[in-house]
């Protein structure tokens, strides 16, 4: 069997496909067929170019919509964060008011949830009722009288005169 196929238009009788493509006498389409083929190829190239341009427009529109969606998502996330912060701050001040904490609320109640803030407030309230460290009052100094003796200034004067005359 021979390697060349005489019915194959891409090969010449010697089996060289390059020679068949360049041989001017072997044009099965003719002049009008080649013009139609060229016109079809040009139309296809133009259609592919137009399709690529339209696809780019669709991609740009999708990117713009995605950008708007991302902006909306960011705005929603920012609003949620602000609402969470306001809720936490209101809870912090409510617990501080319940426990009687008036100074440095932000330093004392640092928890992120209600349970933690309540534990911190309870701990602070128990420590604030204890006597602060430092010098204690010396009870051996000062007046030693019976507080029930003294009442009004008139009574104090009468007591003084009675002690002097006696």
Protein backbone atom coordinates (compact mmCIF):
# COMPACT_ATOMS: atom_id res chain seq x y z
CA UNK A 1 0.00 0.00 0.00
CA UNK A 2 1.10 3.45 -0.74
CA UNK A 3 1.33 6.25 1.84
CA UNK A 4 -0.22 8.88 -0.40
CA UNK A 5 -3.95 9.09 -0.86
CA UNK A 6 -4.94 10.30 -4.33
CA UNK A 7 -8.38 11.42 -3.07
CA UNK A 8 -6.80 13.70 -0.42
CA UNK A 9 -6.73 17.27 -1.86
CA UNK A 10 -4.06 18.39 0.65
CA UNK A 11 -1.38 16.22 -0.87
CA UNK A 12 0.02 16.24 -4.39
CA UNK A 13 0.59 12.99 -6.30
CA UNK A 14 4.16 12.86 -4.94
CA UNK A 15 2.86 13.01 -1.34
CA UNK A 16 4.11 16.54 -0.49
CA UNK A 17 1.38 18.50 1.29
CA UNK A 18 3.32 21.81 1.04
CA UNK A 19 3.48 21.54 -2.73
CA UNK A 20 -0.31 21.06 -2.96
CA UNK A 21 -0.97 24.19 -0.91
CA UNK A 22 1.27 26.35 -3.06
CA UNK A 23 0.39 24.87 -6.43
CA UNK A 24 -1.71 27.48 -8.32
CA UNK A 25 -3.18 24.95 -10.69
CA UNK A 26 -4.75 22.99 -7.81
CA UNK A 27 -7.42 25.48 -6.66
CA UNK A 28 -10.62 23.59 -6.06
CA UNK A 29 -12.63 26.72 -5.13
CA UNK A 30 -11.85 28.91 -8.05
CA UNK A 31 -11.59 32.68 -8.02
CA UNK A 32 -15.14 33.37 -6.77
CA UNK A 33 -14.84 30.70 -4.11
CA UNK A 34 -11.62 32.21 -2.80
CA UNK A 35 -13.24 35.66 -2.68
CA UNK A 36 -16.17 34.23 -0.74
CA UNK A 37 -13.78 32.38 1.61
CA UNK A 38 -11.77 35.57 2.19
CA UNK A 39 -14.94 37.57 2.81
CA UNK A 40 -16.16 34.91 5.26
CA UNK A 41 -12.83 34.93 7.12
CA UNK A 42 -12.86 38.74 7.33
CA UNK A 43 -16.45 38.68 8.60
CA UNK A 44 -15.52 36.08 11.20
CA UNK A 45 -12.52 38.16 12.37
CA UNK A 46 -14.75 41.24 12.66
CA UNK A 47 -17.40 39.25 14.57
CA UNK A 48 -14.77 37.88 16.99
CA UNK A 49 -13.41 41.39 17.52
CA UNK A 50 -16.92 42.71 18.20
CA UNK A 51 -17.66 39.80 20.55
CA UNK A 52 -14.44 40.53 22.48
CA UNK A 53 -15.39 44.23 22.77
CA UNK A 54 -18.89 43.33 24.03
CA UNK A 55 -17.44 40.84 26.51
CA UNK A 56 -15.10 43.56 27.79
CA UNK A 57 -18.10 45.88 28.25
CA UNK A 58 -19.94 43.17 30.20
CA UNK A 59 -16.87 42.59 32.37
CA UNK A 60 -16.59 46.33 33.05
CA UNK A 61 -20.26 46.52 34.00
CA UNK A 62 -19.87 43.50 36.27
CA UNK A 63 -16.80 45.08 37.87
CA UNK A 64 -18.70 48.34 38.43
CA UNK A 65 -21.61 46.47 39.98
CA UNK A 66 -19.23 44.45 42.11
CA UNK A 67 -17.55 47.66 43.16
CA UNK A 68 -20.93 49.10 44.19
CA UNK A 69 -21.70 45.87 46.01
CA UNK A 70 -18.36 45.97 47.79
CA UNK A 71 -18.99 49.61 48.76
CA UNK A 72 -22.38 48.69 50.17
CA UNK A 73 -20.91 45.73 52.05
CA UNK A 74 -18.18 47.95 53.53
CA UNK A 75 -20.72 50.57 54.56
CA UNK A 76 -22.86 47.87 56.19
CA UNK A 77 -19.84 46.45 58.02
CA UNK A 78 -18.85 49.93 59.26
CA UNK A 79 -22.39 50.62 60.47
CA UNK A 80 -22.50 47.27 62.27
CA UNK A 81 -19.16 47.97 63.97
CA UNK A 82 -20.38 51.40 65.07
CA UNK A 83 -23.62 49.92 66.42
CA UNK A 84 -21.68 47.23 68.32
CA UNK A 85 -19.40 49.88 69.84
CA UNK A 86 -22.36 52.03 70.91
CA UNK A 87 -24.14 49.04 72.44
CA UNK A 88 -21.02 48.02 74.35
CA UNK A 89 -20.48 51.56 75.62
CA UNK A 90 -24.11 51.89 76.76
CA UNK A 91 -23.85 48.56 78.56
CA UNK A 92 -20.58 49.67 80.20
CA UNK A 93 -22.13 52.89 81.55
CA UNK A 94 -25.32 51.13 82.68
CA UNK A 95 -23.33 48.59 84.72
CA UNK A 96 -21.15 51.39 86.12
CA UNK A 97 -24.26 53.28 87.24
CA UNK A 98 -25.71 50.14 88.87
CA UNK A 99 -22.50 49.50 90.84
CA UNK A 100 -21.82 53.15 91.70
CA UNK A 101 -18.63 53.45 89.67
CA UNK A 102 -18.15 57.09 88.68
CA UNK A 103 -14.48 57.49 87.75
CA UNK A 104 -12.48 55.81 84.99
CA UNK A 105 -15.33 53.64 83.74
CA UNK A 106 -13.44 52.86 80.51
CA UNK A 107 -10.42 51.70 82.51
CA UNK A 108 -12.37 49.65 85.02
CA UNK A 109 -14.89 47.94 82.75
CA UNK A 110 -12.79 46.65 79.87
CA UNK A 111 -14.70 43.44 79.08
CA UNK A 112 -16.29 42.79 75.73
CA UNK A 113 -19.42 41.07 77.01
CA UNK A 114 -21.91 41.78 79.79
CA UNK A 115 -20.83 38.91 82.04
CA UNK A 116 -17.19 40.00 82.08
CA UNK A 117 -18.09 43.64 82.72
CA UNK A 118 -20.37 42.65 85.61
CA UNK A 119 -17.58 40.57 87.19
CA UNK A 120 -15.17 43.50 86.83
CA UNK A 121 -17.72 45.88 88.36
CA UNK A 122 -18.35 43.53 91.29
CA UNK A 123 -14.62 43.21 91.91
CA UNK A 124 -14.17 46.98 91.76
CA UNK A 125 -17.13 47.60 94.07
CA UNK A 126 -15.78 45.12 96.66
CA UNK A 127 -12.34 46.73 96.58
CA UNK A 128 -13.66 50.26 96.81
CA UNK A 129 -15.56 49.49 100.05
CA UNK A 130 -12.35 48.35 101.75
CA UNK A 131 -10.38 50.98 103.60
CA UNK A 132 -7.65 52.41 101.43
CA UNK A 133 -4.09 51.62 102.46
CA UNK A 134 -2.24 54.36 104.29
CA UNK A 135 -2.08 55.90 107.74
CA UNK A 136 -4.90 54.98 110.01
CA UNK A 137 -6.43 57.59 112.35
CA UNK A 138 -4.86 57.65 115.83
CA UNK A 139 -7.77 57.42 118.23
CA UNK A 140 -5.56 58.24 121.24
CA UNK A 141 -5.36 61.84 120.10
CA UNK A 142 -8.05 64.44 120.26
CA UNK A 143 -10.91 65.13 122.72
CA UNK A 144 -11.79 62.42 125.15
CA UNK A 145 -15.11 63.60 126.45
CA UNK A 146 -18.31 61.69 126.52
CA UNK A 147 -20.20 62.73 123.43
CA UNK A 148 -23.51 62.37 125.26
CA UNK A 149 -22.51 65.15 127.72
CA UNK A 150 -22.19 67.80 125.14
CA UNK A 151 -25.31 68.92 123.46
CA UNK A 152 -25.95 72.54 122.88
CA UNK A 153 -23.56 75.38 123.60
CA UNK A 154 -25.72 76.46 126.56
CA UNK A 155 -25.43 73.02 128.11
CA UNK A 156 -21.65 73.05 127.57
CA UNK A 157 -21.40 76.45 129.36
CA UNK A 158 -23.52 75.26 132.26
CA UNK A 159 -21.33 72.15 132.60
CA UNK A 160 -18.18 74.30 132.58
CA UNK A 161 -19.47 76.67 135.30
CA UNK A 162 -20.61 73.75 137.41
CA UNK A 163 -17.13 72.20 137.20
CA UNK A 164 -15.48 75.51 138.16
CA UNK A 165 -17.71 76.20 141.19
CA UNK A 166 -17.50 72.77 142.57
